[in-house]
C-alpha cells in the first residue's frame, strides 16, 4: 500500500513538473508575442505619421498645381488665394474651439 502511494506521489510530481514546464514555455511564448505586438504597434504608428506627412505633401502639391494653373489669369489667382485664406481661417477657428 505504501509502495502504491509512493508511486502515485512520484507520478504526481512528474505531472506537476510537466505542467510547470508547459507553463514556463507558454509564458515565454507570451513574452515573445507581447514584444512582437509592441513592435507592430510602433510600426503602425510610424506608418501613420508617414502617411500624414505624405498627405500634407500631396495637398501642398495639389494646391501649388492649382495656383500654377491660375497664374494664367491674375484675377483667378487672386480669387483662389482668397478662397485658400478663407479655408485657413476656418481651420484656425475650428482649432480655437
PDB file of N, CA and C in Angstrom:
ATOM      1  N   UNK A   1       0.818  -1.191   0.000  1.00  0.00           N
ATOM      2  CA  UNK A   1       0.000   0.000   0.000  1.00  0.00           C
ATOM      3  C   UNK A   1       0.862   1.255   0.000  1.00  0.00           C
ATOM      4  N   UNK A   2       1.854   1.231   0.878  1.00  0.00           N
ATOM      5  CA  UNK A   2       2.745   2.388   0.949  1.00  0.00           C
ATOM      6  C   UNK A   2       3.522   2.552  -0.343  1.00  0.00           C
ATOM      7  N   UNK A   3       3.906   1.451  -0.967  1.00  0.00           N
ATOM      8  CA  UNK A   3       4.621   1.485  -2.243  1.00  0.00           C
ATOM      9  C   UNK A   3       3.734   2.101  -3.323  1.00  0.00           C
ATOM     10  N   UNK A   4       2.460   1.759  -3.298  1.00  0.00           N
ATOM     11  CA  UNK A   4       1.500   2.305  -4.261  1.00  0.00           C
ATOM     12  C   UNK A   4       1.360   3.813  -4.076  1.00  0.00           C
ATOM     13  N   UNK A   5       1.317   4.265  -2.811  1.00  0.00           N
ATOM     14  CA  UNK A   5       1.225   5.698  -2.533  1.00  0.00           C
ATOM     15  C   UNK A   5       2.479   6.427  -3.012  1.00  0.00           C
ATOM     16  N   UNK A   6       3.635   5.800  -2.811  1.00  0.00           N
ATOM     17  CA  UNK A   6       4.892   6.404  -3.275  1.00  0.00           C
ATOM     18  C   UNK A   6       4.907   6.551  -4.795  1.00  0.00           C
ATOM     19  N   UNK A   7       4.394   5.537  -5.472  1.00  0.00           N
ATOM     20  CA  UNK A   7       4.329   5.599  -6.927  1.00  0.00           C
ATOM     21  C   UNK A   7       3.403   6.724  -7.386  1.00  0.00           C
ATOM     22  N   UNK A   8       2.289   6.852  -6.706  1.00  0.00           N
ATOM     23  CA  UNK A   8       1.348   7.908  -7.048  1.00  0.00           C
ATOM     24  C   UNK A   8       1.960   9.292  -6.797  1.00  0.00           C
ATOM     25  N   UNK A   9       2.714   9.409  -5.727  1.00  0.00           N
ATOM     26  CA  UNK A   9       3.383  10.675  -5.417  1.00  0.00           C
ATOM     27  C   UNK A   9       4.405  11.003  -6.497  1.00  0.00           C
ATOM     28  N   UNK A  10       5.171  10.000  -6.927  1.00  0.00           N
ATOM     29  CA  UNK A  10       6.166  10.206  -7.975  1.00  0.00           C
ATOM     30  C   UNK A  10       5.474  10.609  -9.276  1.00  0.00           C
ATOM     31  N   UNK A  11       4.397   9.933  -9.609  1.00  0.00           N
ATOM     32  CA  UNK A  11       3.648  10.260 -10.828  1.00  0.00           C
ATOM     33  C   UNK A  11       3.098  11.680 -10.731  1.00  0.00           C
ATOM     34  N   UNK A  12       2.570  12.028  -9.568  1.00  0.00           N
ATOM     35  CA  UNK A  12       2.031  13.367  -9.357  1.00  0.00           C
ATOM     36  C   UNK A  12       3.123  14.427  -9.484  1.00  0.00           C
ATOM     37  N   UNK A  13       4.293  14.167  -8.925  1.00  0.00           N
ATOM     38  CA  UNK A  13       5.415  15.102  -9.039  1.00  0.00           C
ATOM     39  C   UNK A  13       5.823  15.296 -10.504  1.00  0.00           C
ATOM     40  N   UNK A  14       5.876  14.181 -11.239  1.00  0.00           N
ATOM     41  CA  UNK A  14       6.237  14.266 -12.655  1.00  0.00           C
ATOM     42  C   UNK A  14       5.218  15.100 -13.438  1.00  0.00           C
ATOM     43  N   UNK A  15       3.954  14.900 -13.148  1.00  0.00           N
ATOM     44  CA  UNK A  15       2.915  15.665 -13.837  1.00  0.00           C
ATOM     45  C   UNK A  15       2.999  17.148 -13.471  1.00  0.00           C
ATOM     46  N   UNK A  16       3.280  17.429 -12.220  1.00  0.00           N
ATOM     47  CA  UNK A  16       3.429  18.822 -11.789  1.00  0.00           C
ATOM     48  C   UNK A  16       4.623  19.456 -12.495  1.00  0.00           C
ATOM     49  N   UNK A  17       5.720  18.719 -12.617  1.00  0.00           N
ATOM     50  CA  UNK A  17       6.904  19.230 -13.323  1.00  0.00           C
ATOM     51  C   UNK A  17       6.563  19.507 -14.782  1.00  0.00           C
ATOM     52  N   UNK A  18       5.789  18.616 -15.408  1.00  0.00           N
ATOM     53  CA  UNK A  18       5.390  18.815 -16.793  1.00  0.00           C
ATOM     54  C   UNK A  18       4.505  20.060 -16.931  1.00  0.00           C
ATOM     55  N   UNK A  19       3.589  20.230 -16.001  1.00  0.00           N
ATOM     56  CA  UNK A  19       2.701  21.397 -16.034  1.00  0.00           C
ATOM     57  C   UNK A  19       3.511  22.675 -15.857  1.00  0.00           C
ATOM     58  N   UNK A  20       4.445  22.667 -14.938  1.00  0.00           N
ATOM     59  CA  UNK A  20       5.299  23.838 -14.715  1.00  0.00           C
ATOM     60  C   UNK A  20       6.121  24.127 -15.961  1.00  0.00           C
ATOM     61  N   UNK A  21       6.644  23.078 -16.578  1.00  0.00           N
ATOM     62  CA  UNK A  21       7.420  23.247 -17.808  1.00  0.00           C
ATOM     63  C   UNK A  21       6.557  23.844 -18.918  1.00  0.00           C
ATOM     64  N   UNK A  22       5.348  23.345 -19.076  1.00  0.00           N
ATOM     65  CA  UNK A  22       4.426  23.883 -20.085  1.00  0.00           C
ATOM     66  C   UNK A  22       4.074  25.335 -19.776  1.00  0.00           C
ATOM     67  N   UNK A  23       3.868  25.627 -18.501  1.00  0.00           N
ATOM     68  CA  UNK A  23       3.551  26.992 -18.098  1.00  0.00           C
ATOM     69  C   UNK A  23       4.694  27.939 -18.457  1.00  0.00           C
ATOM     70  N   UNK A  24       5.915  27.548 -18.158  1.00  0.00           N
ATOM     71  CA  UNK A  24       7.084  28.378 -18.471  1.00  0.00           C
ATOM     72  C   UNK A  24       7.219  28.574 -19.974  1.00  0.00           C
ATOM     73  N   UNK A  25       6.975  27.515 -20.717  1.00  0.00           N
ATOM     74  CA  UNK A  25       7.045  27.601 -22.176  1.00  0.00           C
ATOM     75  C   UNK A  25       5.998  28.589 -22.706  1.00  0.00           C
ATOM     76  N   UNK A  26       4.786  28.490 -22.214  1.00  0.00           N
ATOM     77  CA  UNK A  26       3.719  29.400 -22.648  1.00  0.00           C
ATOM     78  C   UNK A  26       4.006  30.836 -22.204  1.00  0.00           C
ATOM     79  N   UNK A  27       4.610  30.981 -21.040  1.00  0.00           N
ATOM     80  CA  UNK A  27       4.964  32.317 -20.559  1.00  0.00           C
ATOM     81  C   UNK A  27       6.007  32.950 -21.481  1.00  0.00           C
ATOM     82  N   UNK A  28       6.979  32.156 -21.907  1.00  0.00           N
ATOM     83  CA  UNK A  28       7.995  32.649 -22.843  1.00  0.00           C
ATOM     84  C   UNK A  28       7.374  33.028 -24.190  1.00  0.00           C
ATOM     85  N   UNK A  29       6.452  32.181 -24.648  1.00  0.00           N
ATOM     86  CA  UNK A  29       5.761  32.483 -25.911  1.00  0.00           C
ATOM     87  C   UNK A  29       4.983  33.789 -25.792  1.00  0.00           C
ATOM     88  N   UNK A  30       4.341  33.978 -24.642  1.00  0.00           N
ATOM     89  CA  UNK A  30       3.558  35.206 -24.447  1.00  0.00           C
ATOM     90  C   UNK A  30       4.477  36.424 -24.446  1.00  0.00           C
ATOM     91  N   UNK A  31       5.632  36.324 -23.822  1.00  0.00           N
ATOM     92  CA  UNK A  31       6.576  37.444 -23.826  1.00  0.00           C
ATOM     93  C   UNK A  31       7.004  37.769 -25.252  1.00  0.00           C
ATOM     94  N   UNK A  32       7.270  36.734 -26.040  1.00  0.00           N
ATOM     95  CA  UNK A  32       7.675  36.941 -27.432  1.00  0.00           C
ATOM     96  C   UNK A  32       6.546  37.601 -28.224  1.00  0.00           C
ATOM     97  N   UNK A  33       5.317  37.149 -28.005  1.00  0.00           N
ATOM     98  CA  UNK A  33       4.171  37.735 -28.709  1.00  0.00           C
ATOM     99  C   UNK A  33       3.931  39.177 -28.267  1.00  0.00           C
ATOM    100  N   UNK A  34       4.113  39.445 -26.981  1.00  0.00           N
ATOM    101  CA  UNK A  34       3.970  40.822 -26.499  1.00  0.00           C
ATOM    102  C   UNK A  34       5.006  41.738 -27.149  1.00  0.00           C
ATOM    103  N   UNK A  35       6.239  41.243 -27.259  1.00  0.00           N
ATOM    104  CA  UNK A  35       7.295  42.036 -27.904  1.00  0.00           C
ATOM    105  C   UNK A  35       6.960  42.271 -29.374  1.00  0.00           C
ATOM    106  N   UNK A  36       6.483  41.244 -30.042  1.00  0.00           N
ATOM    107  CA  UNK A  36       6.099  41.367 -31.450  1.00  0.00           C
ATOM    108  C   UNK A  36       4.929  42.342 -31.608  1.00  0.00           C
ATOM    109  N   UNK A  37       3.987  42.276 -30.689  1.00  0.00           N
ATOM    110  CA  UNK A  37       2.832  43.184 -30.712  1.00  0.00           C
ATOM    111  C   UNK A  37       3.283  44.630 -30.529  1.00  0.00           C
ATOM    112  N   UNK A  38       4.187  44.855 -29.596  1.00  0.00           N
ATOM    113  CA  UNK A  38       4.704  46.205 -29.363  1.00  0.00           C
ATOM    114  C   UNK A  38       5.427  46.718 -30.597  1.00  0.00           C
ATOM    115  N   UNK A  39       6.217  45.859 -31.213  1.00  0.00           N
ATOM    116  CA  UNK A  39       6.944  46.242 -32.424  1.00  0.00           C
ATOM    117  C   UNK A  39       5.963  46.581 -33.547  1.00  0.00           C
ATOM    118  N   UNK A  40       4.908  45.800 -33.678  1.00  0.00           N
ATOM    119  CA  UNK A  40       3.908  46.052 -34.724  1.00  0.00           C
ATOM    120  C   UNK A  40       3.182  47.372 -34.471  1.00  0.00           C
ATOM    121  N   UNK A  41       2.877  47.659 -33.196  1.00  0.00           N
ATOM    122  CA  UNK A  41       2.213  48.923 -32.875  1.00  0.00           C
ATOM    123  C   UNK A  41       3.111  50.116 -33.204  1.00  0.00           C
ATOM    124  N   UNK A  42       4.399  49.981 -32.919  1.00  0.00           N
ATOM    125  CA  UNK A  42       5.338  51.054 -33.246  1.00  0.00           C
ATOM    126  C   UNK A  42       5.423  51.259 -34.757  1.00  0.00           C
ATOM    127  N   UNK A  43       5.436  50.167 -35.493  1.00  0.00           N
ATOM    128  CA  UNK A  43       5.488  50.243 -36.955  1.00  0.00           C
ATOM    129  C   UNK A  43       4.224  50.913 -37.494  1.00  0.00           C
ATOM    130  N   UNK A  44       3.077  50.568 -36.933  1.00  0.00           N
ATOM    131  CA  UNK A  44       1.820  51.181 -37.352  1.00  0.00           C
ATOM    132  C   UNK A  44       1.846  52.673 -37.074  1.00  0.00           C
ATOM    133  N   UNK A  45       2.343  53.050 -35.901  1.00  0.00           N
ATOM    134  CA  UNK A  45       2.428  54.471 -35.546  1.00  0.00           C
ATOM    135  C   UNK A  45       3.331  55.210 -36.524  1.00  0.00           C
ATOM    136  N   UNK A  46       4.481  54.600 -36.840  1.00  0.00           N
ATOM    137  CA  UNK A  46       5.420  55.228 -37.770  1.00  0.00           C
ATOM    138  C   UNK A  46       4.789  55.375 -39.157  1.00  0.00           C
ATOM    139  N   UNK A  47       4.078  54.348 -39.608  1.00  0.00           N
ATOM    140  CA  UNK A  47       3.437  54.402 -40.916  1.00  0.00           C
ATOM    141  C   UNK A  47       2.312  55.438 -40.955  1.00  0.00           C
ATOM    142  N   UNK A  48       1.583  55.581 -39.846  1.00  0.00           N
ATOM    143  CA  UNK A  48       0.542  56.609 -39.798  1.00  0.00           C
ATOM    144  C   UNK A  48       1.152  57.998 -39.893  1.00  0.00           C
ATOM    145  N   UNK A  49       2.267  58.207 -39.180  1.00  0.00           N
ATOM    146  CA  UNK A  49       2.935  59.507 -39.245  1.00  0.00           C
ATOM    147  C   UNK A  49       3.437  59.788 -40.656  1.00  0.00           C
ATOM    148  N   UNK A  50       4.003  58.765 -41.282  1.00  0.00           N
ATOM    149  CA  UNK A  50       4.488  58.928 -42.661  1.00  0.00           C
ATOM    150  C   UNK A  50       3.326  59.235 -43.605  1.00  0.00           C
ATOM    151  N   UNK A  51       2.197  58.552 -43.392  1.00  0.00           N
ATOM    152  CA  UNK A  51       1.015  58.793 -44.221  1.00  0.00           C
ATOM    153  C   UNK A  51       0.545  60.234 -44.059  1.00  0.00           C
ATOM    154  N   UNK A  52       0.526  60.727 -42.830  1.00  0.00           N
ATOM    155  CA  UNK A  52       0.109  62.107 -42.591  1.00  0.00           C
ATOM    156  C   UNK A  52       1.040  63.083 -43.302  1.00  0.00           C
ATOM    157  N   UNK A  53       2.350  62.845 -43.236  1.00  0.00           N
ATOM    158  CA  UNK A  53       3.311  63.713 -43.914  1.00  0.00           C
ATOM    159  C   UNK A  53       3.091  63.687 -45.427  1.00  0.00           C
ATOM    160  N   UNK A  54       2.882  62.490 -45.959  1.00  0.00           N
ATOM    161  CA  UNK A  54       2.666  62.372 -47.397  1.00  0.00           C
ATOM    162  C   UNK A  54       1.347  63.025 -47.818  1.00  0.00           C
ATOM    163  N   UNK A  55       0.335  62.925 -46.987  1.00  0.00           N
ATOM    164  CA  UNK A  55      -0.939  63.570 -47.287  1.00  0.00           C
ATOM    165  C   UNK A  55      -0.766  65.085 -47.329  1.00  0.00           C
ATOM    166  N   UNK A  56      -0.023  65.611 -46.363  1.00  0.00           N
ATOM    167  CA  UNK A  56       0.234  67.058 -46.349  1.00  0.00           C
ATOM    168  C   UNK A  56       1.018  67.458 -47.590  1.00  0.00           C
ATOM    169  N   UNK A  57       2.039  66.681 -47.937  1.00  0.00           N
ATOM    170  CA  UNK A  57       2.825  66.982 -49.135  1.00  0.00           C
ATOM    171  C   UNK A  57       1.946  66.930 -50.384  1.00  0.00           C
ATOM    172  N   UNK A  58       1.075  65.941 -50.446  1.00  0.00           N
ATOM    173  CA  UNK A  58       0.179  65.807 -51.591  1.00  0.00           C
ATOM    174  C   UNK A  58      -0.748  67.013 -51.684  1.00  0.00           C
ATOM    175  N   UNK A  59      -1.316  67.404 -50.554  1.00  0.00           N
ATOM    176  CA  UNK A  59      -2.224  68.561 -50.563  1.00  0.00           C
ATOM    177  C   UNK A  59      -1.484  69.832 -50.952  1.00  0.00           C
ATOM    178  N   UNK A  60      -0.252  69.979 -50.465  1.00  0.00           N
ATOM    179  CA  UNK A  60       0.541  71.148 -50.846  1.00  0.00           C
ATOM    180  C   UNK A  60       0.844  71.142 -52.341  1.00  0.00           C
ATOM    181  N   UNK A  61       1.165  69.990 -52.867  1.00  0.00           N
ATOM    182  CA  UNK A  61       1.444  69.870 -54.292  1.00  0.00           C
ATOM    183  C   UNK A  61       0.197  70.176 -55.111  1.00  0.00           C
ATOM    184  N   UNK A  62      -0.932  69.666 -54.648  1.00  0.00           N
ATOM    185  CA  UNK A  62      -2.193  69.920 -55.337  1.00  0.00           C
ATOM    186  C   UNK A  62      -2.513  71.422 -55.302  1.00  0.00           C
ATOM    187  N   UNK A  63      -2.275  72.038 -54.170  1.00  0.00           N
ATOM    188  CA  UNK A  63      -2.507  73.480 -54.034  1.00  0.00           C
ATOM    189  C   UNK A  63      -1.577  74.263 -54.956  1.00  0.00           C
ATOM    190  N   UNK A  64      -0.305  73.878 -54.967  1.00  0.00           N
ATOM    191  CA  UNK A  64       0.657  74.564 -55.837  1.00  0.00           C
ATOM    192  C   UNK A  64       0.266  74.409 -57.298  1.00  0.00           C
ATOM    193  N   UNK A  65      -0.197  73.236 -57.663  1.00  0.00           N
ATOM    194  CA  UNK A  65      -0.610  72.987 -59.046  1.00  0.00           C
ATOM    195  C   UNK A  65      -1.820  73.845 -59.400  1.00  0.00           C
ATOM    196  N   UNK A  66      -2.759  73.949 -58.478  1.00  0.00           N
ATOM    197  CA  UNK A  66      -3.949  74.748 -58.782  1.00  0.00           C
ATOM    198  C   UNK A  66      -3.589  76.227 -58.875  1.00  0.00           C
ATOM    199  N   UNK A  67      -2.665  76.675 -58.040  1.00  0.00           N
ATOM    200  CA  UNK A  67      -2.219  78.073 -58.129  1.00  0.00           C
ATOM    201  C   UNK A  67      -1.457  78.287 -59.431  1.00  0.00           C
ATOM    202  N   UNK A  68      -0.649  77.311 -59.804  1.00  0.00           N
ATOM    203  CA  UNK A  68       0.120  77.413 -61.049  1.00  0.00           C
ATOM    204  C   UNK A  68      -0.813  77.526 -62.247  1.00  0.00           C
ATOM    205  N   UNK A  69      -1.891  76.765 -62.232  1.00  0.00           N
ATOM    206  CA  UNK A  69      -2.858  76.828 -63.319  1.00  0.00           C
ATOM    207  C   UNK A  69      -3.574  78.174 -63.333  1.00  0.00           C
ATOM    208  N   UNK A  70      -3.747  78.761 -62.162  1.00  0.00           N
ATOM    209  CA  UNK A  70      -4.460  80.028 -62.061  1.00  0.00           C
ATOM    210  C   UNK A  70      -3.582  81.214 -62.421  1.00  0.00           C
ATOM    211  N   UNK A  71      -2.285  80.999 -62.534  1.00  0.00           N
ATOM    212  CA  UNK A  71      -1.366  82.094 -62.830  1.00  0.00           C
ATOM    213  C   UNK A  71      -1.650  82.707 -64.194  1.00  0.00           C
ATOM    214  N   UNK A  72      -2.279  81.966 -65.056  1.00  0.00           N
ATOM    215  CA  UNK A  72      -2.582  82.496 -66.387  1.00  0.00           C
ATOM    216  C   UNK A  72      -3.473  83.724 -66.296  1.00  0.00           C
ATOM    217  N   UNK A  73      -4.289  83.791 -65.267  1.00  0.00           N
ATOM    218  CA  UNK A  73      -5.161  84.948 -65.077  1.00  0.00           C
ATOM    219  C   UNK A  73      -4.933  85.494 -63.671  1.00  0.00           C
ATOM    220  N   UNK A  74      -4.442  86.700 -63.541  1.00  0.00           N
ATOM    221  CA  UNK A  74      -4.203  87.267 -62.203  1.00  0.00           C
ATOM    222  C   UNK A  74      -5.472  87.350 -61.361  1.00  0.00           C
ATOM    223  N   UNK A  75      -6.592  87.626 -62.002  1.00  0.00           N
ATOM    224  CA  UNK A  75      -7.851  87.714 -61.271  1.00  0.00           C
ATOM    225  C   UNK A  75      -8.213  86.351 -60.672  1.00  0.00           C
ATOM    226  N   UNK A  76      -8.068  85.272 -61.484  1.00  0.00           N
ATOM    227  CA  UNK A  76      -8.345  83.925 -60.999  1.00  0.00           C
ATOM    228  C   UNK A  76      -7.401  83.543 -59.874  1.00  0.00           C
ATOM    229  N   UNK A  77      -6.144  83.925 -59.996  1.00  0.00           N
ATOM    230  CA  UNK A  77      -5.166  83.623 -58.955  1.00  0.00           C
ATOM    231  C   UNK A  77      -5.561  84.299 -57.652  1.00  0.00           C
ATOM    232  N   UNK A  78      -5.993  85.559 -57.739  1.00  0.00           N
ATOM    233  CA  UNK A  78      -6.391  86.292 -56.542  1.00  0.00           C
ATOM    234  C   UNK A  78      -7.606  85.623 -55.893  1.00  0.00           C
ATOM    235  N   UNK A  79      -8.566  85.177 -56.698  1.00  0.00           N
ATOM    236  CA  UNK A  79      -9.750  84.502 -56.168  1.00  0.00           C
ATOM    237  C   UNK A  79      -9.383  83.199 -55.462  1.00  0.00           C
ATOM    238  N   UNK A  80      -8.485  82.447 -56.076  1.00  0.00           N
ATOM    239  CA  UNK A  80      -8.065  81.188 -55.458  1.00  0.00           C
ATOM    240  C   UNK A  80      -7.324  81.436 -54.155  1.00  0.00           C
ATOM    241  N   UNK A  81      -6.467  82.425 -54.130  1.00  0.00           N
ATOM    242  CA  UNK A  81      -5.729  82.749 -52.909  1.00  0.00           C
ATOM    243  C   UNK A  81      -6.700  83.189 -51.821  1.00  0.00           C
ATOM    244  N   UNK A  82      -7.681  83.986 -52.171  1.00  0.00           N
ATOM    245  CA  UNK A  82      -8.694  84.405 -51.197  1.00  0.00           C
ATOM    246  C   UNK A  82      -9.467  83.209 -50.652  1.00  0.00           C
ATOM    247  N   UNK A  83      -9.820  82.265 -51.541  1.00  0.00           N
ATOM    248  CA  UNK A  83     -10.518  81.050 -51.110  1.00  0.00           C
ATOM    249  C   UNK A  83      -9.652  80.252 -50.142  1.00  0.00           C
ATOM    250  N   UNK A  84      -8.366  80.139 -50.464  1.00  0.00           N
ATOM    251  CA  UNK A  84      -7.441  79.399 -49.608  1.00  0.00           C
ATOM    252  C   UNK A  84      -7.321  80.082 -48.244  1.00  0.00           C
ATOM    253  N   UNK A  85      -7.234  81.391 -48.238  1.00  0.00           N
ATOM    254  CA  UNK A  85      -7.134  82.134 -46.974  1.00  0.00           C
ATOM    255  C   UNK A  85      -8.391  81.905 -46.135  1.00  0.00           C
ATOM    256  N   UNK A  86      -9.567  81.902 -46.777  1.00  0.00           N
ATOM    257  CA  UNK A  86     -10.809  81.637 -46.039  1.00  0.00           C
ATOM    258  C   UNK A  86     -10.795  80.232 -45.440  1.00  0.00           C
ATOM    259  N   UNK A  87     -10.310  79.249 -46.186  1.00  0.00           N
ATOM    260  CA  UNK A  87     -10.227  77.886 -45.673  1.00  0.00           C
ATOM    261  C   UNK A  87      -9.283  77.816 -44.480  1.00  0.00           C
ATOM    262  N   UNK A  88      -8.166  78.521 -44.574  1.00  0.00           N
ATOM    263  CA  UNK A  88      -7.209  78.551 -43.463  1.00  0.00           C
ATOM    264  C   UNK A  88      -7.847  79.205 -42.244  1.00  0.00           C
ATOM    265  N   UNK A  89      -8.586  80.293 -42.456  1.00  0.00           N
ATOM    266  CA  UNK A  89      -9.286  80.967 -41.355  1.00  0.00           C
ATOM    267  C   UNK A  89     -10.293  80.036 -40.693  1.00  0.00           C
ATOM    268  N   UNK A  90     -11.011  79.246 -41.505  1.00  0.00           N
ATOM    269  CA  UNK A  90     -11.963  78.286 -40.953  1.00  0.00           C
ATOM    270  C   UNK A  90     -11.238  77.247 -40.098  1.00  0.00           C
ATOM    271  N   UNK A  91     -10.111  76.775 -40.584  1.00  0.00           N
ATOM    272  CA  UNK A  91      -9.328  75.785 -39.840  1.00  0.00           C
ATOM    273  C   UNK A  91      -8.846  76.367 -38.505  1.00  0.00           C
ATOM    274  N   UNK A  92      -8.380  77.590 -38.536  1.00  0.00           N
ATOM    275  CA  UNK A  92      -7.905  78.248 -37.313  1.00  0.00           C
ATOM    276  C   UNK A  92      -9.066  78.402 -36.341  1.00  0.00           C
ATOM    277  N   UNK A  93     -10.226  78.783 -36.845  1.00  0.00           N
ATOM    278  CA  UNK A  93     -11.410  78.953 -35.991  1.00  0.00           C
ATOM    279  C   UNK A  93     -11.780  77.616 -35.346  1.00  0.00           C
ATOM    280  N   UNK A  94     -11.707  76.525 -36.111  1.00  0.00           N
ATOM    281  CA  UNK A  94     -12.017  75.204 -35.564  1.00  0.00           C
ATOM    282  C   UNK A  94     -11.000  74.786 -34.509  1.00  0.00           C
ATOM    283  N   UNK A  95      -9.745  75.128 -34.737  1.00  0.00           N
ATOM    284  CA  UNK A  95      -8.705  74.778 -33.761  1.00  0.00           C
ATOM    285  C   UNK A  95      -8.857  75.576 -32.479  1.00  0.00           C
ATOM    286  N   UNK A  96      -9.368  76.785 -32.565  1.00  0.00           N
ATOM    287  CA  UNK A  96      -9.541  77.628 -31.379  1.00  0.00           C
ATOM    288  C   UNK A  96     -10.732  77.211 -30.527  1.00  0.00           C
ATOM    289  N   UNK A  97     -11.625  76.395 -31.070  1.00  0.00           N
ATOM    290  CA  UNK A  97     -12.811  75.973 -30.307  1.00  0.00           C
ATOM    291  C   UNK A  97     -12.458  75.006 -29.217  1.00  0.00           C
TER     292      UNK A  97
END
